[in-house]
Amino acid sequence: MPKILILCHNTTEVEIVRNACSFLPGKELQIEILNEHQKDKESQTQITFFASLAAFETYSTIHPSPTLFLHKDLAILQITDDYIPPKSFYDNGLRLCCLSNDLNRDLSVTLPNLQFYKDYAHFEQSKQPSDVLLTNNMNLILSLLMQDTCAWEMIHPDLNARNLAIDLFGDTLILPRIKAALNALEGKADSAMDCYNFPALLHSNKASQTSYSFFAEQYDDYMAHVDYDFWVTRLLAWYQAYAKNPLKHILELACGTANISSRLVLKSYDVDACDLSYDMLRVASRKSLKPNLYHASLTDPIPNQGYQLVVCMFDSVNYLTKSKDISKMLGEVSSALAEGGLYIFDISTLYNSEENFADICSMQRSNDGYLVHQAWFENIQLKQKSGLHYFSKNHISYQHKYEEHTQRVYYCSELVELISSSPLKLIAVHTTETKTNYYPRHLSNIDSRFPRLFFILKKEQI
């Protein structure tokens, strides 16, 4: 069982880390959080994190160690006085450099291949992809960290330890960084354990991050036009029409900010909800009426069983771009449902993409910036793509963030075939426009008639 040690500077940091890690199912990993007074305690850990730069500063007063600040376009190494690069540094083809007036030139004795640049402007203009800037100028480092903040990785190479930097960025990076470390431990990104293998590190972190990162904070405003109460009413009406068992336990997959789940909680149902986006879960956790939240994808095993109803709304199923993932999802849902239980999910159709999301661009203003939404439809591959640009106010300038989403547009007939091979039975296909059940007799051209279809599946009683 992977074990992670997180060293915190104070009790406030301990609380922040614990809250962020509460979305991780406990059976997946063990997390031991130590404060600064326990930093020398022996622990059988496989990966160490520092919660903040302040925590590492406290630790380094006794155990000096360099810090690597890594961005896809820049690498900075804050070094100790006696720093000598390890063999892996050179094995990865890296080159040390510094600014002429920044470090003592005596370093050229111990670092004979050290490259000097006149100043930072000269470095920025002339640097090579393999250059690693040596500096102890923390003001320079902090000014760079505040640009494109979520794209930075902070590592202490001698300790093979990561830094979550919550004193700079809050809790935004905690779970994505832990996920990247777990992937490396589980063999999904073995080379990412080499702290000087920059491409592997960056790839590992990118793979651990999901869509709906910065957009999570904007999501509820962006979706303010949605009548969630209407959606909940329809879901409960369909359950009453097609299920016989009393409804008590509900699971929402891909819950986002839990706008559906929170309304079901208000109606006194016992509701669990999961999402692949840590940021969405963080927003959902702030709501006064919230379900039991945990982190999981649509294809992950479902921890609990015996649900009378499982739902997945707002075309989340379209994010599964491979048919095998649809089949995997259906199998996991079947295992989690009680006999006679229903699974209700919706899809965005070909009609919706062609009529509403082909080559559009819109802008929406928020409290601290501007959200630009682009959408385009690749009709040959049946891929619906969206690009989200967010320009947030950052002191005297704007910071640009970008994320891209890809969905697959499924024909109704494709899903009917996949469902027929699953443990679940398709019993209805609905739209919100009428009360008609279009399955099985009225599916002709349904993909071109309605923007959204709702599939109702049942786990038959044995």
Protein backbone atom coordinates (compact mmCIF):
# COMPACT_ATOMS: atom_id res chain seq x y z
CA MET A 1 0.00 0.00 0.00
CA PRO A 2 1.60 3.32 -1.04
CA LYS A 3 2.42 5.54 1.91
CA ILE A 4 2.93 9.26 1.62
CA LEU A 5 4.46 11.52 4.24
CA ILE A 6 3.47 15.19 4.17
CA LEU A 7 5.55 17.55 6.30
CA CYS A 8 3.62 20.62 7.42
CA HIS A 9 4.82 23.89 8.93
CA ASN A 10 1.93 24.37 11.35
CA THR A 11 -1.50 23.08 12.31
CA THR A 12 -3.21 25.30 9.75
CA GLU A 13 -1.35 23.53 6.96
CA VAL A 14 -2.24 20.17 8.50
CA GLU A 15 -5.91 21.10 8.32
CA ILE A 16 -5.67 22.29 4.70
CA VAL A 17 -3.96 19.08 3.63
CA ARG A 18 -6.42 16.88 5.50
CA ASN A 19 -9.39 18.65 3.93
CA ALA A 20 -7.96 18.29 0.43
CA CYS A 21 -7.15 14.60 0.94
CA SER A 22 -10.63 13.85 2.27
CA PHE A 23 -11.80 13.25 -1.33
CA LEU A 24 -9.42 10.32 -1.76
CA PRO A 25 -10.90 6.93 -0.84
CA GLY A 26 -8.95 5.83 2.24
CA LYS A 27 -8.28 2.34 0.93
CA GLU A 28 -6.15 3.68 -1.95
CA LEU A 29 -3.35 5.13 0.17
CA GLN A 30 -2.22 5.93 3.65
CA ILE A 31 -1.24 9.52 4.41
CA GLU A 32 0.83 10.45 7.43
CA ILE A 33 0.92 14.17 8.13
CA LEU A 34 3.73 15.37 10.37
CA ASN A 35 4.26 18.87 11.75
CA GLU A 36 7.62 20.60 12.08
CA HIS A 37 8.33 19.17 15.55
CA GLN A 38 8.05 15.62 14.21
CA LYS A 39 10.14 16.09 11.09
CA ASP A 40 12.89 13.72 12.21
CA LYS A 41 10.52 10.89 13.06
CA GLU A 42 11.33 7.70 11.21
CA SER A 43 8.61 6.60 8.83
CA GLN A 44 8.39 3.86 6.22
CA THR A 45 7.32 6.21 3.43
CA GLN A 46 7.71 5.80 -0.30
CA ILE A 47 7.24 9.48 -1.17
CA THR A 48 7.69 12.65 0.87
CA PHE A 49 5.92 15.94 0.35
CA PHE A 50 6.46 19.29 2.01
CA ALA A 51 3.18 21.13 2.39
CA SER A 52 4.76 24.52 1.81
CA LEU A 53 7.96 26.38 1.09
CA ALA A 54 7.86 27.50 4.72
CA ALA A 55 7.84 23.86 5.87
CA PHE A 56 10.87 23.11 3.72
CA GLU A 57 12.68 26.22 4.99
CA THR A 58 12.21 24.97 8.55
CA TYR A 59 13.47 21.52 7.58
CA SER A 60 16.45 22.86 5.63
CA THR A 61 17.84 24.76 8.62
CA ILE A 62 18.97 21.33 9.82
CA HIS A 63 19.16 19.47 6.50
CA PRO A 64 20.19 21.94 3.73
CA SER A 65 19.02 20.81 0.30
CA PRO A 66 18.47 22.43 -3.11
CA THR A 67 15.05 23.21 -4.53
CA LEU A 68 14.11 22.74 -8.17
CA PHE A 69 11.37 24.97 -9.62
CA LEU A 70 10.20 23.39 -12.86
CA HIS A 71 7.98 24.84 -15.61
CA LYS A 72 7.56 23.54 -19.14
CA ASP A 73 9.52 26.56 -20.38
CA LEU A 74 11.94 27.12 -17.51
CA ALA A 75 13.94 25.28 -14.83
CA ILE A 76 15.40 27.08 -11.78
CA LEU A 77 17.61 25.51 -9.12
CA GLN A 78 17.96 27.23 -5.76
CA ILE A 79 21.17 25.69 -4.44
CA THR A 80 23.14 25.23 -1.26
CA ASP A 81 26.71 26.57 -1.04
CA ASP A 82 28.34 23.18 -1.57
CA TYR A 83 26.04 21.99 -4.32
CA ILE A 84 27.46 19.51 -6.81
CA PRO A 85 25.09 18.13 -9.46
CA PRO A 86 24.49 14.37 -9.28
CA LYS A 87 25.27 12.07 -12.19
CA SER A 88 21.58 11.93 -13.22
CA PHE A 89 21.67 15.69 -13.87
CA TYR A 90 24.20 15.26 -16.65
CA ASP A 91 22.71 11.94 -17.79
CA ASN A 92 19.57 13.88 -18.68
CA GLY A 93 21.56 16.30 -20.84
CA LEU A 94 21.11 19.35 -18.59
CA ARG A 95 23.42 22.37 -18.39
CA LEU A 96 23.95 24.68 -15.41
CA CYS A 97 23.89 28.43 -15.95
CA CYS A 98 23.59 31.59 -13.87
CA LEU A 99 23.28 35.36 -14.13
CA SER A 100 26.63 37.19 -13.95
CA ASN A 101 25.85 39.27 -10.87
CA ASP A 102 23.69 36.71 -9.08
CA LEU A 103 26.06 34.03 -7.79
CA ASN A 104 29.68 33.91 -6.71
CA ARG A 105 31.91 33.30 -9.72
CA ASP A 106 33.94 30.90 -7.57
CA LEU A 107 31.30 28.35 -8.55
CA SER A 108 33.12 28.07 -11.86
CA VAL A 109 35.84 26.16 -9.97
CA THR A 110 33.48 23.44 -8.76
CA LEU A 111 31.19 23.73 -11.78
CA PRO A 112 33.60 24.05 -14.71
CA ASN A 113 30.90 23.94 -17.40
CA LEU A 114 28.83 26.72 -15.84
CA GLN A 115 27.29 29.04 -18.45
CA PHE A 116 26.98 32.76 -17.58
CA TYR A 117 24.31 35.16 -18.84
CA LYS A 118 24.59 38.92 -18.43
CA ASP A 119 21.15 39.35 -16.82
CA TYR A 120 17.71 37.69 -16.80
CA ALA A 121 16.65 39.39 -20.02
CA HIS A 122 19.73 37.95 -21.73
CA PHE A 123 18.98 34.52 -20.24
CA GLU A 124 15.34 34.62 -21.38
CA GLN A 125 16.37 35.59 -24.89
CA SER A 126 19.29 33.18 -25.33
CA LYS A 127 18.66 30.18 -23.05
CA GLN A 128 18.72 26.65 -24.39
CA PRO A 129 16.08 24.00 -23.58
CA SER A 130 18.66 22.16 -21.48
CA ASP A 131 19.61 25.21 -19.35
CA VAL A 132 18.92 25.13 -15.61
CA LEU A 133 19.27 28.54 -13.96
CA LEU A 134 21.14 28.55 -10.65
CA THR A 135 20.03 31.33 -8.29
CA ASN A 136 19.48 32.18 -4.65
CA ASN A 137 17.48 35.29 -5.55
CA MET A 138 14.13 34.39 -3.97
CA ASN A 139 12.52 37.60 -5.20
CA LEU A 140 13.26 36.57 -8.78
CA ILE A 141 11.95 33.07 -8.13
CA LEU A 142 8.72 34.29 -6.52
CA SER A 143 8.04 36.76 -9.33
CA LEU A 144 8.31 33.89 -11.83
CA LEU A 145 6.20 31.52 -9.74
CA MET A 146 3.32 33.98 -9.73
CA GLN A 147 3.10 33.68 -13.51
CA ASP A 148 1.23 30.59 -14.76
CA THR A 149 1.15 29.37 -11.17
CA CYS A 150 -0.52 25.98 -11.63
CA ALA A 151 2.07 24.91 -14.20
CA TRP A 152 4.99 24.90 -11.75
CA GLU A 153 6.40 21.83 -10.04
CA MET A 154 8.59 22.26 -6.94
CA ILE A 155 11.01 19.46 -6.05
CA HIS A 156 13.80 18.91 -3.54
CA PRO A 157 16.03 16.56 -5.58
CA ASP A 158 18.39 15.39 -2.84
CA LEU A 159 15.38 14.20 -0.82
CA ASN A 160 13.34 13.04 -3.84
CA ALA A 161 10.58 15.11 -2.25
CA ARG A 162 7.88 17.31 -3.79
CA ASN A 163 6.53 20.59 -2.47
CA LEU A 164 2.80 21.40 -2.55
CA ALA A 165 3.47 25.13 -1.95
CA ILE A 166 0.15 25.82 -0.27
CA ASP A 167 1.58 29.02 1.18
CA LEU A 168 1.76 30.33 -2.40
CA PHE A 169 -1.11 28.61 -4.22
CA GLY A 170 -3.51 27.41 -1.54
CA ASP A 171 -4.88 23.87 -1.88
CA THR A 172 -5.11 23.93 -5.68
CA LEU A 173 -2.17 21.61 -6.37
CA ILE A 174 -2.40 19.18 -3.46
CA LEU A 175 -4.40 16.36 -5.01
CA PRO A 176 -3.05 16.58 -8.58
CA ARG A 177 0.52 16.40 -7.23
CA ILE A 178 -0.30 13.43 -4.98
CA LYS A 179 -2.00 11.68 -7.90
CA ALA A 180 1.10 12.16 -10.05
CA ALA A 181 3.27 10.67 -7.30
CA LEU A 182 0.95 7.68 -6.91
CA ASN A 183 1.00 7.07 -10.67
CA ALA A 184 4.79 6.97 -10.51
CA LEU A 185 4.72 4.52 -7.59
CA GLU A 186 2.24 2.28 -9.36
CA GLY A 187 4.49 2.03 -12.40
CA LYS A 188 2.39 4.24 -14.65
CA ALA A 189 5.19 6.78 -14.85
CA ASP A 190 8.34 5.11 -13.54
CA SER A 191 10.75 7.61 -15.07
CA ALA A 192 8.98 10.46 -13.29
CA MET A 193 10.75 9.37 -10.10
CA ASP A 194 14.00 10.76 -11.59
CA CYS A 195 13.89 14.38 -10.41
CA TYR A 196 16.08 15.51 -13.33
CA ASN A 197 14.04 13.79 -16.03
CA PHE A 198 12.07 16.94 -16.81
CA PRO A 199 9.94 15.61 -19.70
CA ALA A 200 8.78 12.65 -17.59
CA LEU A 201 7.99 14.87 -14.60
CA LEU A 202 5.98 17.32 -16.67
CA HIS A 203 4.15 14.52 -18.48
CA SER A 204 3.30 12.81 -15.21
CA ASN A 205 1.86 15.97 -13.71
CA LYS A 206 -0.08 16.82 -16.84
CA ALA A 207 -1.56 13.32 -16.93
CA SER A 208 -2.69 13.66 -13.31
CA GLN A 209 -4.56 16.88 -13.96
CA THR A 210 -8.07 16.84 -15.32
CA SER A 211 -10.36 19.15 -17.19
CA TYR A 212 -12.39 21.59 -15.16
CA SER A 213 -9.50 22.99 -13.18
CA PHE A 214 -9.74 26.80 -13.07
CA PHE A 215 -13.17 26.53 -14.74
CA ALA A 216 -14.56 24.86 -11.61
CA GLU A 217 -14.67 28.24 -9.86
CA GLN A 218 -16.58 29.70 -12.81
CA TYR A 219 -18.83 26.70 -13.45
CA ASP A 220 -21.86 27.64 -11.37
CA ASP A 221 -21.99 31.14 -12.84
CA TYR A 222 -21.56 29.74 -16.35
CA MET A 223 -24.41 27.23 -15.78
CA ALA A 224 -26.71 29.69 -14.00
CA HIS A 225 -29.27 29.35 -16.80
CA VAL A 226 -29.85 25.64 -16.05
CA ASP A 227 -33.07 24.74 -14.23
CA TYR A 228 -31.62 22.08 -11.92
CA ASP A 229 -34.91 21.65 -10.06
CA PHE A 230 -36.56 20.64 -13.33
CA TRP A 231 -33.84 18.05 -13.97
CA VAL A 232 -34.25 16.57 -10.49
CA THR A 233 -38.02 16.44 -10.91
CA ARG A 234 -37.66 14.50 -14.17
CA LEU A 235 -35.14 12.06 -12.68
CA LEU A 236 -37.42 11.27 -9.74
CA ALA A 237 -40.45 10.95 -12.04
CA TRP A 238 -38.59 8.45 -14.23
CA TYR A 239 -37.57 6.47 -11.18
CA GLN A 240 -41.16 6.32 -9.99
CA ALA A 241 -42.31 5.21 -13.45
CA TYR A 242 -39.75 2.46 -14.04
CA ALA A 243 -38.66 1.19 -10.61
CA LYS A 244 -40.60 -0.55 -7.87
CA ASN A 245 -38.25 -0.36 -4.89
CA PRO A 246 -38.43 2.60 -2.47
CA LEU A 247 -35.74 5.15 -3.27
CA LYS A 248 -33.21 5.72 -0.49
CA HIS A 249 -29.62 5.52 -1.74
CA ILE A 250 -28.45 7.49 -4.79
CA LEU A 251 -25.05 7.85 -6.48
CA GLU A 252 -24.19 10.64 -8.88
CA LEU A 253 -21.25 10.04 -11.20
CA ALA A 254 -19.34 13.03 -12.62
CA CYS A 255 -21.19 15.25 -10.15
CA GLY A 256 -19.27 18.44 -10.92
CA THR A 257 -20.15 21.02 -8.28
CA ALA A 258 -22.98 18.77 -7.04
CA ASN A 259 -25.91 20.92 -8.13
CA ILE A 260 -28.03 17.81 -8.77
CA SER A 261 -26.80 15.90 -5.71
CA SER A 262 -27.28 18.80 -3.30
CA ARG A 263 -30.93 19.06 -4.35
CA LEU A 264 -31.40 15.34 -3.78
CA VAL A 265 -29.85 15.74 -0.32
CA LEU A 266 -32.38 18.51 0.33
CA LYS A 267 -35.10 15.94 -0.41
CA SER A 268 -33.62 13.73 2.36
CA TYR A 269 -32.07 11.07 0.15
CA ASP A 270 -28.78 9.43 1.12
CA VAL A 271 -26.50 10.61 -1.68
CA ASP A 272 -22.92 9.78 -2.65
CA ALA A 273 -21.26 11.73 -5.45
CA CYS A 274 -17.92 11.54 -7.22
CA ASP A 275 -16.00 13.44 -9.87
CA LEU A 276 -12.63 13.19 -11.61
CA SER A 277 -11.95 16.90 -11.10
CA TYR A 278 -10.47 17.77 -7.71
CA ASP A 279 -11.37 21.40 -8.27
CA MET A 280 -15.03 20.58 -8.88
CA LEU A 281 -15.11 18.56 -5.66
CA ARG A 282 -13.57 21.47 -3.74
CA VAL A 283 -16.33 23.79 -4.95
CA ALA A 284 -19.00 21.18 -4.18
CA SER A 285 -17.65 20.70 -0.65
CA ARG A 286 -18.36 24.33 0.21
CA LYS A 287 -22.11 23.93 -0.24
CA SER A 288 -24.24 23.78 2.87
CA LEU A 289 -26.20 20.78 1.61
CA LYS A 290 -23.71 18.45 0.02
CA PRO A 291 -23.54 14.73 -0.68
CA ASN A 292 -20.81 12.37 0.49
CA LEU A 293 -18.05 13.39 -1.93
CA TYR A 294 -15.16 11.32 -3.21
CA HIS A 295 -12.72 11.36 -6.10
CA ALA A 296 -13.24 8.87 -8.95
CA SER A 297 -13.65 8.66 -12.71
CA LEU A 298 -16.60 7.19 -14.60
CA THR A 299 -14.73 3.91 -15.09
CA ASP A 300 -13.30 3.47 -11.58
CA PRO A 301 -14.67 0.73 -9.32
CA ILE A 302 -17.49 2.07 -7.17
CA PRO A 303 -16.69 1.62 -3.44
CA ASN A 304 -20.27 1.12 -2.21
CA GLN A 305 -23.14 -1.04 -3.41
CA GLY A 306 -26.89 -1.30 -3.08
CA TYR A 307 -27.87 1.96 -4.77
CA GLN A 308 -31.45 2.13 -6.00
CA LEU A 309 -30.51 4.92 -8.44
CA VAL A 310 -27.29 5.95 -10.16
CA VAL A 311 -27.31 9.10 -12.32
CA CYS A 312 -24.81 10.79 -14.62
CA MET A 313 -25.92 14.11 -16.05
CA PHE A 314 -24.89 16.95 -18.38
CA ASP A 315 -23.40 14.76 -21.16
CA SER A 316 -20.56 13.53 -18.93
CA VAL A 317 -20.77 10.15 -20.69
CA ASN A 318 -19.69 11.92 -23.90
CA TYR A 319 -16.28 12.41 -22.27
CA LEU A 320 -15.74 8.66 -22.57
CA THR A 321 -14.34 8.72 -26.10
CA LYS A 322 -13.78 4.95 -26.40
CA SER A 323 -16.52 2.35 -26.59
CA LYS A 324 -14.63 0.06 -24.21
CA ASP A 325 -14.84 2.77 -21.55
CA ILE A 326 -18.61 2.90 -21.95
CA SER A 327 -18.72 -0.86 -21.41
CA LYS A 328 -16.44 -0.57 -18.37
CA MET A 329 -18.66 2.12 -16.87
CA LEU A 330 -21.80 0.03 -17.39
CA GLY A 331 -20.18 -2.95 -15.69
CA GLU A 332 -19.12 -0.90 -12.67
CA VAL A 333 -22.57 0.68 -12.34
CA SER A 334 -24.23 -2.73 -12.56
CA SER A 335 -22.09 -3.97 -9.66
CA ALA A 336 -23.10 -0.96 -7.56
CA LEU A 337 -26.84 -1.11 -8.24
CA ALA A 338 -29.32 -3.02 -6.14
CA GLU A 339 -31.56 -5.46 -7.98
CA GLY A 340 -34.30 -3.48 -9.68
CA GLY A 341 -32.21 -0.31 -9.51
CA LEU A 342 -31.93 2.22 -12.34
CA TYR A 343 -29.05 3.92 -14.08
CA ILE A 344 -30.02 7.17 -15.84
CA PHE A 345 -27.55 9.08 -17.99
CA ASP A 346 -27.84 11.63 -20.76
CA ILE A 347 -25.84 12.37 -23.90
CA SER A 348 -25.33 15.38 -26.12
CA THR A 349 -26.43 14.42 -29.64
CA LEU A 350 -25.29 15.05 -33.19
CA TYR A 351 -28.07 17.62 -33.46
CA ASN A 352 -26.72 19.52 -30.45
CA SER A 353 -23.19 19.67 -31.86
CA GLU A 354 -24.24 20.70 -35.35
CA GLU A 355 -26.79 23.27 -34.25
CA ASN A 356 -25.36 24.70 -31.05
CA PHE A 357 -21.65 23.96 -30.68
CA ALA A 358 -20.07 24.15 -34.14
CA ASP A 359 -17.64 27.07 -34.50
CA ILE A 360 -18.88 29.33 -31.72
CA CYS A 361 -17.10 31.78 -29.47
CA SER A 362 -18.51 33.63 -26.48
CA MET A 363 -17.15 35.76 -23.63
CA GLN A 364 -18.43 36.06 -20.08
CA ARG A 365 -17.20 38.48 -17.43
CA SER A 366 -16.62 37.39 -13.82
CA ASN A 367 -15.57 39.21 -10.66
CA ASP A 368 -11.85 38.98 -11.38
CA GLY A 369 -11.54 38.33 -15.09
CA TYR A 370 -12.99 37.16 -18.39
CA LEU A 371 -13.95 33.67 -19.58
CA VAL A 372 -13.77 32.99 -23.32
CA HIS A 373 -15.44 29.79 -24.56
CA GLN A 374 -14.68 28.41 -28.00
CA ALA A 375 -16.36 25.31 -29.43
CA TRP A 376 -15.88 23.43 -32.68
CA PHE A 377 -17.23 20.16 -34.06
CA GLU A 378 -15.12 17.68 -36.03
CA ASN A 379 -17.93 15.95 -37.93
CA ILE A 380 -15.78 13.24 -39.54
CA GLN A 381 -14.40 11.96 -36.24
CA LEU A 382 -17.57 12.94 -34.37
CA LYS A 383 -15.52 14.85 -31.81
CA GLN A 384 -16.95 17.86 -30.00
CA LYS A 385 -14.17 20.12 -28.71
CA SER A 386 -14.23 23.11 -26.43
CA GLY A 387 -11.47 25.51 -25.46
CA LEU A 388 -11.78 27.59 -22.32
CA HIS A 389 -9.58 30.67 -21.88
CA TYR A 390 -9.61 32.51 -18.58
CA PHE A 391 -7.98 35.90 -18.19
CA SER A 392 -7.75 36.65 -14.47
CA LYS A 393 -6.59 39.90 -12.94
CA ASN A 394 -3.11 39.47 -11.46
CA HIS A 395 -1.97 42.67 -9.78
CA ILE A 396 -1.30 45.04 -12.72
CA SER A 397 -1.67 42.47 -15.48
CA TYR A 398 -3.82 39.54 -16.57
CA GLN A 399 -2.91 35.87 -16.27
CA HIS A 400 -4.04 33.52 -19.03
CA LYS A 401 -5.22 29.97 -18.24
CA TYR A 402 -6.41 27.47 -20.80
CA GLU A 403 -8.00 24.03 -20.79
CA GLU A 404 -9.43 21.96 -23.62
CA HIS A 405 -12.23 19.40 -23.49
CA THR A 406 -12.94 16.63 -25.99
CA GLN A 407 -16.21 14.72 -26.19
CA ARG A 408 -17.33 11.96 -28.53
CA VAL A 409 -20.72 12.28 -30.15
CA TYR A 410 -22.34 8.84 -30.00
CA TYR A 411 -25.20 7.76 -32.21
CA CYS A 412 -28.12 6.38 -30.26
CA SER A 413 -27.76 3.06 -32.10
CA GLU A 414 -24.14 2.72 -30.90
CA LEU A 415 -25.17 3.08 -27.29
CA VAL A 416 -28.11 0.71 -27.67
CA GLU A 417 -25.69 -1.95 -28.96
CA LEU A 418 -23.20 -1.36 -26.15
CA ILE A 419 -25.94 -1.53 -23.54
CA SER A 420 -27.25 -4.78 -25.03
CA SER A 421 -23.85 -6.37 -24.31
CA SER A 422 -23.79 -5.10 -20.72
CA PRO A 423 -25.33 -6.56 -17.54
CA LEU A 424 -27.97 -3.80 -17.62
CA LYS A 425 -31.19 -3.69 -19.64
CA LEU A 426 -32.25 -0.60 -21.60
CA ILE A 427 -35.89 0.14 -20.82
CA ALA A 428 -36.40 3.73 -22.03
CA VAL A 429 -34.97 6.63 -24.01
CA HIS A 430 -36.44 10.03 -23.19
CA THR A 431 -36.02 13.70 -24.01
CA THR A 432 -36.97 16.70 -21.92
CA GLU A 433 -39.24 18.00 -24.68
CA THR A 434 -41.90 15.27 -24.40
CA LYS A 435 -42.96 12.46 -22.07
CA THR A 436 -42.66 9.84 -24.81
CA ASN A 437 -40.52 6.75 -24.37
CA TYR A 438 -38.78 6.51 -27.75
CA TYR A 439 -37.34 3.04 -27.13
CA PRO A 440 -37.60 0.76 -29.00
CA ARG A 441 -40.06 1.84 -31.68
CA HIS A 442 -39.32 5.51 -32.27
CA LEU A 443 -35.54 5.77 -32.48
CA SER A 444 -35.39 6.54 -36.20
CA ASN A 445 -33.43 9.77 -36.82
CA ILE A 446 -33.61 10.58 -33.11
CA ASP A 447 -29.97 11.84 -33.17
CA SER A 448 -30.99 14.62 -35.55
CA ARG A 449 -34.21 15.61 -33.79
CA PHE A 450 -33.23 16.34 -30.19
CA PRO A 451 -30.21 18.00 -28.56
CA ARG A 452 -30.15 15.66 -25.57
CA LEU A 453 -31.23 12.06 -24.91
CA PHE A 454 -31.75 10.33 -21.57
CA PHE A 455 -31.11 6.59 -21.33
CA ILE A 456 -32.79 4.64 -18.57
CA LEU A 457 -31.23 1.28 -17.74
CA LYS A 458 -32.34 -1.30 -15.19
CA LYS A 459 -30.59 -4.04 -13.24
CA GLU A 460 -33.05 -6.86 -13.51
CA GLN A 461 -33.96 -8.91 -10.48
CA ILE A 462 -32.64 -12.46 -10.44
